[in-house]
Amino acid sequence: MQYIPNEKINKLKQFLKYEDMLRSLTAELLIRVLIVKQKSLRNTEIFFDTNPFGKPSLKGYLLEFNLSHSGDWVVCAIGNSPVGIDIEEIKSIDIELAKYIFSNQEYSHFIEKKEDERQSYFFELWTLKESYIKAVGSGLSFPLHLFSFTKSGNKIIFQSNYTSREVYFRQFHIDLNYKLAVCNTRNLFPEYIHIWSFDQLYINSLWLLS
């Protein structure tokens, strides 16, 4: 915690569960390490801001990033164009929830799935939707059922009557028990993702944030 500002430390202390605090702390260290690497800034020169919907940004510099965490994973997307990322652990769900967050087309595809496939498909759609609203920075003010996704092989098709903005999507596999999706306003994605252990992040923090 010595490498993060007091304002963030105070927020971390408000978490009721240690695991939630650790995920948030890990996310803070991760983005600071990546910014130091990308922008050659000192840790003490890094300041964040948020838009009215909570989307974070780096004050004074052109750099786009987004963070997400779930279960054992903390993930970050970073680049020069607006990006959004979401990771979710695949777990039991209330099927009724799908009626409210999926478009009619998505819900139709959802209920056509075999019962043992629905859980995974639910989080596949959920992460795509979350990555989109996080990329455009609108938060949940933009209802999830107003846009939809369909898949044709590995191709992800985005449909919305409420925006003409070009967006692109990519799904990455990192764990059988998780779904991960990234949205970018430019069609630029890495071929693979870099995975660090917490020990590697800790060592990078010691080297780069002190």
C-alpha atoms as a PDB file:
ATOM      1  CA  MET A   1       0.000   0.000   0.000  1.00  0.00           C
ATOM      2  CA  GLN A   2       3.002   2.309   0.308  1.00  0.00           C
ATOM      3  CA  TYR A   3       2.902   2.730  -3.484  1.00  0.00           C
ATOM      4  CA  ILE A   4      -0.648   4.061  -3.728  1.00  0.00           C
ATOM      5  CA  PRO A   5      -2.154   7.400  -2.578  1.00  0.00           C
ATOM      6  CA  ASN A   6      -3.945   7.833   0.737  1.00  0.00           C
ATOM      7  CA  GLU A   7      -7.265   8.433  -1.033  1.00  0.00           C
ATOM      8  CA  LYS A   8      -7.111   4.923  -2.531  1.00  0.00           C
ATOM      9  CA  ILE A   9      -5.957   3.407   0.762  1.00  0.00           C
ATOM     10  CA  ASN A  10      -8.999   4.870   2.505  1.00  0.00           C
ATOM     11  CA  LYS A  11     -11.268   3.293  -0.114  1.00  0.00           C
ATOM     12  CA  LEU A  12      -9.575  -0.062   0.293  1.00  0.00           C
ATOM     13  CA  LYS A  13     -10.172   0.034   4.035  1.00  0.00           C
ATOM     14  CA  GLN A  14     -13.914   0.258   3.402  1.00  0.00           C
ATOM     15  CA  PHE A  15     -14.095  -3.227   1.885  1.00  0.00           C
ATOM     16  CA  LEU A  16     -15.758  -5.737   4.181  1.00  0.00           C
ATOM     17  CA  LYS A  17     -14.056  -8.752   2.605  1.00  0.00           C
ATOM     18  CA  TYR A  18     -10.279  -9.114   2.466  1.00  0.00           C
ATOM     19  CA  GLU A  19     -10.473 -10.789  -0.965  1.00  0.00           C
ATOM     20  CA  ASP A  20     -12.319  -7.786  -2.443  1.00  0.00           C
ATOM     21  CA  MET A  21      -9.750  -5.414  -0.996  1.00  0.00           C
ATOM     22  CA  LEU A  22      -6.915  -7.519  -2.418  1.00  0.00           C
ATOM     23  CA  ARG A  23      -8.436  -7.529  -5.922  1.00  0.00           C
ATOM     24  CA  SER A  24      -8.851  -3.746  -5.865  1.00  0.00           C
ATOM     25  CA  LEU A  25      -5.306  -3.239  -4.563  1.00  0.00           C
ATOM     26  CA  THR A  26      -3.955  -5.584  -7.249  1.00  0.00           C
ATOM     27  CA  ALA A  27      -5.811  -3.638  -9.951  1.00  0.00           C
ATOM     28  CA  GLU A  28      -4.346  -0.347  -8.669  1.00  0.00           C
ATOM     29  CA  LEU A  29      -0.794  -1.726  -8.663  1.00  0.00           C
ATOM     30  CA  LEU A  30      -1.273  -3.292 -12.095  1.00  0.00           C
ATOM     31  CA  ILE A  31      -2.385  -0.126 -13.869  1.00  0.00           C
ATOM     32  CA  ARG A  32       0.333   1.936 -12.179  1.00  0.00           C
ATOM     33  CA  VAL A  33       3.028  -0.507 -13.278  1.00  0.00           C
ATOM     34  CA  LEU A  34       1.695  -0.520 -16.850  1.00  0.00           C
ATOM     35  CA  ILE A  35       1.522   3.294 -16.982  1.00  0.00           C
ATOM     36  CA  VAL A  36       5.113   3.588 -15.769  1.00  0.00           C
ATOM     37  CA  LYS A  37       6.154   1.147 -18.491  1.00  0.00           C
ATOM     38  CA  GLN A  38       4.060   2.859 -21.218  1.00  0.00           C
ATOM     39  CA  LYS A  39       4.613   6.515 -20.387  1.00  0.00           C
ATOM     40  CA  SER A  40       7.916   6.475 -18.491  1.00  0.00           C
ATOM     41  CA  LEU A  41       6.272   8.404 -15.660  1.00  0.00           C
ATOM     42  CA  ARG A  42       7.174   8.181 -12.013  1.00  0.00           C
ATOM     43  CA  ASN A  43       4.541   6.640  -9.783  1.00  0.00           C
ATOM     44  CA  THR A  44       4.190   9.957  -7.932  1.00  0.00           C
ATOM     45  CA  GLU A  45       3.281  11.638 -11.243  1.00  0.00           C
ATOM     46  CA  ILE A  46       0.285   9.361 -11.860  1.00  0.00           C
ATOM     47  CA  PHE A  47      -3.140  10.832 -11.132  1.00  0.00           C
ATOM     48  CA  PHE A  48      -6.507   9.444 -12.174  1.00  0.00           C
ATOM     49  CA  ASP A  49      -9.833  11.020 -13.008  1.00  0.00           C
ATOM     50  CA  THR A  50     -13.255   9.544 -13.754  1.00  0.00           C
ATOM     51  CA  ASN A  51     -16.096  10.611 -16.012  1.00  0.00           C
ATOM     52  CA  PRO A  52     -19.651  11.037 -14.611  1.00  0.00           C
ATOM     53  CA  PHE A  53     -20.262   7.304 -15.093  1.00  0.00           C
ATOM     54  CA  GLY A  54     -17.101   6.191 -13.294  1.00  0.00           C
ATOM     55  CA  LYS A  55     -14.862   5.399 -16.295  1.00  0.00           C
ATOM     56  CA  PRO A  56     -11.263   6.049 -15.185  1.00  0.00           C
ATOM     57  CA  SER A  57      -8.674   8.030 -17.152  1.00  0.00           C
ATOM     58  CA  LEU A  58      -5.090   9.187 -16.713  1.00  0.00           C
ATOM     59  CA  LYS A  59      -4.915  12.918 -16.003  1.00  0.00           C
ATOM     60  CA  GLY A  60      -2.851  14.915 -18.475  1.00  0.00           C
ATOM     61  CA  TYR A  61      -1.882  12.111 -20.839  1.00  0.00           C
ATOM     62  CA  LEU A  62      -3.370  10.359 -23.847  1.00  0.00           C
ATOM     63  CA  LEU A  63      -3.755   6.810 -22.633  1.00  0.00           C
ATOM     64  CA  GLU A  64      -6.870   4.670 -22.479  1.00  0.00           C
ATOM     65  CA  PHE A  65      -7.296   1.799 -20.062  1.00  0.00           C
ATOM     66  CA  ASN A  66      -9.891  -0.287 -18.296  1.00  0.00           C
ATOM     67  CA  LEU A  67      -9.808  -2.802 -15.459  1.00  0.00           C
ATOM     68  CA  SER A  68     -11.930  -5.695 -14.279  1.00  0.00           C
ATOM     69  CA  HIS A  69     -11.644  -8.397 -11.640  1.00  0.00           C
ATOM     70  CA  SER A  70     -13.509 -11.502 -10.646  1.00  0.00           C
ATOM     71  CA  GLY A  71     -12.556 -14.472  -8.509  1.00  0.00           C
ATOM     72  CA  ASP A  72      -8.852 -15.238  -8.908  1.00  0.00           C
ATOM     73  CA  TRP A  73      -8.267 -12.820 -11.785  1.00  0.00           C
ATOM     74  CA  VAL A  74      -7.533  -9.113 -12.240  1.00  0.00           C
ATOM     75  CA  VAL A  75      -7.346  -7.953 -15.867  1.00  0.00           C
ATOM     76  CA  CYS A  76      -6.449  -4.738 -17.673  1.00  0.00           C
ATOM     77  CA  ALA A  77      -6.773  -3.471 -21.260  1.00  0.00           C
ATOM     78  CA  ILE A  78      -4.595  -0.512 -22.224  1.00  0.00           C
ATOM     79  CA  GLY A  79      -4.013   1.404 -25.468  1.00  0.00           C
ATOM     80  CA  ASN A  80      -4.417   4.662 -27.369  1.00  0.00           C
ATOM     81  CA  SER A  81      -8.121   4.271 -28.148  1.00  0.00           C
ATOM     82  CA  PRO A  82     -11.116   3.786 -25.830  1.00  0.00           C
ATOM     83  CA  VAL A  83     -11.169   0.227 -24.496  1.00  0.00           C
ATOM     84  CA  GLY A  84     -13.323  -1.809 -22.162  1.00  0.00           C
ATOM     85  CA  ILE A  85     -12.643  -5.154 -20.550  1.00  0.00           C
ATOM     86  CA  ASP A  86     -14.692  -7.528 -18.439  1.00  0.00           C
ATOM     87  CA  ILE A  87     -13.983 -10.845 -16.783  1.00  0.00           C
ATOM     88  CA  GLU A  88     -16.557 -12.941 -14.979  1.00  0.00           C
ATOM     89  CA  GLU A  89     -16.373 -16.209 -13.115  1.00  0.00           C
ATOM     90  CA  ILE A  90     -18.840 -18.755 -14.503  1.00  0.00           C
ATOM     91  CA  LYS A  91     -21.172 -19.599 -11.659  1.00  0.00           C
ATOM     92  CA  SER A  92     -24.816 -20.360 -10.932  1.00  0.00           C
ATOM     93  CA  ILE A  93     -27.260 -17.728 -12.169  1.00  0.00           C
ATOM     94  CA  ASP A  94     -30.918 -16.841 -11.947  1.00  0.00           C
ATOM     95  CA  ILE A  95     -32.178 -17.644 -15.447  1.00  0.00           C
ATOM     96  CA  GLU A  96     -34.876 -14.985 -15.066  1.00  0.00           C
ATOM     97  CA  LEU A  97     -32.135 -12.318 -15.092  1.00  0.00           C
ATOM     98  CA  ALA A  98     -31.516 -13.039 -18.766  1.00  0.00           C
ATOM     99  CA  LYS A  99     -34.953 -11.630 -19.649  1.00  0.00           C
ATOM    100  CA  TYR A 100     -33.926  -8.199 -18.395  1.00  0.00           C
ATOM    101  CA  ILE A 101     -30.379  -7.857 -19.669  1.00  0.00           C
ATOM    102  CA  PHE A 102     -30.569  -9.630 -23.032  1.00  0.00           C
ATOM    103  CA  SER A 103     -32.210  -8.334 -26.187  1.00  0.00           C
ATOM    104  CA  ASN A 104     -35.089 -10.370 -27.612  1.00  0.00           C
ATOM    105  CA  GLN A 105     -32.740 -11.943 -30.124  1.00  0.00           C
ATOM    106  CA  GLU A 106     -30.136 -12.798 -27.487  1.00  0.00           C
ATOM    107  CA  TYR A 107     -32.734 -14.246 -25.146  1.00  0.00           C
ATOM    108  CA  SER A 108     -34.131 -16.385 -27.945  1.00  0.00           C
ATOM    109  CA  HIS A 109     -30.653 -17.802 -28.634  1.00  0.00           C
ATOM    110  CA  PHE A 110     -30.105 -18.238 -24.897  1.00  0.00           C
ATOM    111  CA  ILE A 111     -33.173 -20.379 -24.263  1.00  0.00           C
ATOM    112  CA  GLU A 112     -32.439 -22.447 -27.374  1.00  0.00           C
ATOM    113  CA  LYS A 113     -29.211 -23.590 -25.745  1.00  0.00           C
ATOM    114  CA  LYS A 114     -29.080 -26.895 -23.918  1.00  0.00           C
ATOM    115  CA  GLU A 115     -29.561 -26.432 -20.204  1.00  0.00           C
ATOM    116  CA  ASP A 116     -25.941 -27.336 -19.394  1.00  0.00           C
ATOM    117  CA  GLU A 117     -24.703 -24.740 -21.941  1.00  0.00           C
ATOM    118  CA  ARG A 118     -26.748 -21.777 -20.736  1.00  0.00           C
ATOM    119  CA  GLN A 119     -24.555 -20.847 -17.801  1.00  0.00           C
ATOM    120  CA  SER A 120     -21.424 -20.453 -19.928  1.00  0.00           C
ATOM    121  CA  TYR A 121     -23.327 -18.673 -22.713  1.00  0.00           C
ATOM    122  CA  PHE A 122     -24.852 -16.240 -20.219  1.00  0.00           C
ATOM    123  CA  PHE A 123     -21.427 -15.023 -19.094  1.00  0.00           C
ATOM    124  CA  GLU A 124     -20.158 -14.961 -22.662  1.00  0.00           C
ATOM    125  CA  LEU A 125     -22.845 -12.419 -23.546  1.00  0.00           C
ATOM    126  CA  TRP A 126     -22.571 -10.611 -20.213  1.00  0.00           C
ATOM    127  CA  THR A 127     -18.827  -9.945 -20.601  1.00  0.00           C
ATOM    128  CA  LEU A 128     -19.292  -8.705 -24.170  1.00  0.00           C
ATOM    129  CA  LYS A 129     -22.000  -6.289 -23.028  1.00  0.00           C
ATOM    130  CA  GLU A 130     -19.981  -5.075 -20.048  1.00  0.00           C
ATOM    131  CA  SER A 131     -16.862  -4.556 -22.167  1.00  0.00           C
ATOM    132  CA  TYR A 132     -18.901  -2.384 -24.547  1.00  0.00           C
ATOM    133  CA  ILE A 133     -20.464  -0.066 -21.970  1.00  0.00           C
ATOM    134  CA  LYS A 134     -17.088   0.250 -20.229  1.00  0.00           C
ATOM    135  CA  ALA A 135     -15.365   1.167 -23.511  1.00  0.00           C
ATOM    136  CA  VAL A 136     -17.871   3.884 -24.394  1.00  0.00           C
ATOM    137  CA  GLY A 137     -17.914   5.062 -20.775  1.00  0.00           C
ATOM    138  CA  SER A 138     -21.666   5.184 -20.353  1.00  0.00           C
ATOM    139  CA  GLY A 139     -22.027   2.854 -17.386  1.00  0.00           C
ATOM    140  CA  LEU A 140     -25.360   1.141 -16.808  1.00  0.00           C
ATOM    141  CA  SER A 141     -27.153   4.321 -17.922  1.00  0.00           C
ATOM    142  CA  PHE A 142     -27.252   2.550 -21.287  1.00  0.00           C
ATOM    143  CA  PRO A 143     -29.635  -0.424 -20.846  1.00  0.00           C
ATOM    144  CA  LEU A 144     -28.026  -3.739 -21.730  1.00  0.00           C
ATOM    145  CA  HIS A 145     -31.012  -4.995 -23.715  1.00  0.00           C
ATOM    146  CA  LEU A 146     -30.768  -2.144 -26.255  1.00  0.00           C
ATOM    147  CA  PHE A 147     -27.871  -3.771 -28.088  1.00  0.00           C
ATOM    148  CA  SER A 148     -27.109  -7.373 -28.904  1.00  0.00           C
ATOM    149  CA  PHE A 149     -24.445  -9.842 -29.913  1.00  0.00           C
ATOM    150  CA  THR A 150     -24.500 -12.906 -32.097  1.00  0.00           C
ATOM    151  CA  LYS A 151     -21.606 -15.190 -32.963  1.00  0.00           C
ATOM    152  CA  SER A 152     -20.794 -16.847 -36.259  1.00  0.00           C
ATOM    153  CA  GLY A 153     -17.840 -19.113 -35.612  1.00  0.00           C
ATOM    154  CA  ASN A 154     -15.205 -16.826 -34.098  1.00  0.00           C
ATOM    155  CA  LYS A 155     -16.827 -13.715 -35.572  1.00  0.00           C
ATOM    156  CA  ILE A 156     -18.629 -11.470 -33.069  1.00  0.00           C
ATOM    157  CA  ILE A 157     -21.502  -9.458 -34.572  1.00  0.00           C
ATOM    158  CA  PHE A 158     -22.621  -6.330 -32.692  1.00  0.00           C
ATOM    159  CA  GLN A 159     -26.048  -4.841 -33.432  1.00  0.00           C
ATOM    160  CA  SER A 160     -27.598  -1.633 -32.117  1.00  0.00           C
ATOM    161  CA  ASN A 161     -30.156   0.825 -33.475  1.00  0.00           C
ATOM    162  CA  TYR A 162     -29.013   3.485 -31.025  1.00  0.00           C
ATOM    163  CA  THR A 163     -25.431   4.105 -32.104  1.00  0.00           C
ATOM    164  CA  SER A 164     -23.417   4.202 -35.314  1.00  0.00           C
ATOM    165  CA  ARG A 165     -20.080   4.188 -33.537  1.00  0.00           C
ATOM    166  CA  GLU A 166     -17.666   1.552 -34.792  1.00  0.00           C
ATOM    167  CA  VAL A 167     -16.634  -0.900 -32.099  1.00  0.00           C
ATOM    168  CA  TYR A 168     -14.742  -4.180 -32.229  1.00  0.00           C
ATOM    169  CA  PHE A 169     -14.615  -7.153 -29.909  1.00  0.00           C
ATOM    170  CA  ARG A 170     -12.294  -9.978 -28.990  1.00  0.00           C
ATOM    171  CA  GLN A 171     -12.691 -12.830 -26.533  1.00  0.00           C
ATOM    172  CA  PHE A 172      -9.674 -14.379 -24.847  1.00  0.00           C
ATOM    173  CA  HIS A 173      -9.439 -17.703 -23.053  1.00  0.00           C
ATOM    174  CA  ILE A 174      -7.461 -17.710 -19.808  1.00  0.00           C
ATOM    175  CA  ASP A 175      -9.346 -20.129 -17.580  1.00  0.00           C
ATOM    176  CA  LEU A 176     -12.039 -22.770 -18.069  1.00  0.00           C
ATOM    177  CA  ASN A 177     -14.078 -21.239 -15.260  1.00  0.00           C
ATOM    178  CA  TYR A 178     -14.064 -17.644 -16.573  1.00  0.00           C
ATOM    179  CA  LYS A 179     -15.187 -15.593 -19.562  1.00  0.00           C
ATOM    180  CA  LEU A 180     -13.159 -12.605 -20.757  1.00  0.00           C
ATOM    181  CA  ALA A 181     -14.116 -10.027 -23.403  1.00  0.00           C
ATOM    182  CA  VAL A 182     -12.454  -6.844 -24.675  1.00  0.00           C
ATOM    183  CA  CYS A 183     -14.013  -3.988 -26.657  1.00  0.00           C
ATOM    184  CA  ASN A 184     -11.947  -1.484 -28.635  1.00  0.00           C
ATOM    185  CA  THR A 185     -13.025   1.469 -30.766  1.00  0.00           C
ATOM    186  CA  ARG A 186     -10.240   0.470 -33.178  1.00  0.00           C
ATOM    187  CA  ASN A 187      -9.744  -2.989 -34.619  1.00  0.00           C
ATOM    188  CA  LEU A 188      -6.473  -3.502 -32.782  1.00  0.00           C
ATOM    189  CA  PHE A 189      -6.005  -6.449 -30.427  1.00  0.00           C
ATOM    190  CA  PRO A 190      -2.982  -8.453 -29.301  1.00  0.00           C
ATOM    191  CA  GLU A 191      -2.661 -12.012 -30.514  1.00  0.00           C
ATOM    192  CA  TYR A 192      -2.292 -13.193 -26.947  1.00  0.00           C
ATOM    193  CA  ILE A 193      -2.430 -11.739 -23.458  1.00  0.00           C
ATOM    194  CA  HIS A 194       0.359 -11.382 -20.923  1.00  0.00           C
ATOM    195  CA  ILE A 195      -0.297 -13.233 -17.691  1.00  0.00           C
ATOM    196  CA  TRP A 196       1.545 -12.371 -14.486  1.00  0.00           C
ATOM    197  CA  SER A 197       1.434 -14.102 -11.159  1.00  0.00           C
ATOM    198  CA  PHE A 198       0.859 -11.832  -8.185  1.00  0.00           C
ATOM    199  CA  ASP A 199       4.526 -12.361  -7.250  1.00  0.00           C
ATOM    200  CA  GLN A 200       5.565 -10.986 -10.652  1.00  0.00           C
ATOM    201  CA  LEU A 201       3.337  -7.947 -10.164  1.00  0.00           C
ATOM    202  CA  TYR A 202       4.750  -7.467  -6.675  1.00  0.00           C
ATOM    203  CA  ILE A 203       8.330  -7.529  -7.979  1.00  0.00           C
ATOM    204  CA  ASN A 204       7.476  -5.083 -10.792  1.00  0.00           C
ATOM    205  CA  SER A 205       5.846  -2.811  -8.196  1.00  0.00           C
ATOM    206  CA  LEU A 206       9.028  -2.820  -6.101  1.00  0.00           C
ATOM    207  CA  TRP A 207      11.153  -1.998  -9.139  1.00  0.00           C
ATOM    208  CA  LEU A 208       8.958   0.561 -10.846  1.00  0.00           C
ATOM    209  CA  LEU A 209       6.756   2.239  -8.234  1.00  0.00           C
ATOM    210  CA  SER A 210       9.240   3.000  -5.478  1.00  0.00           C
END
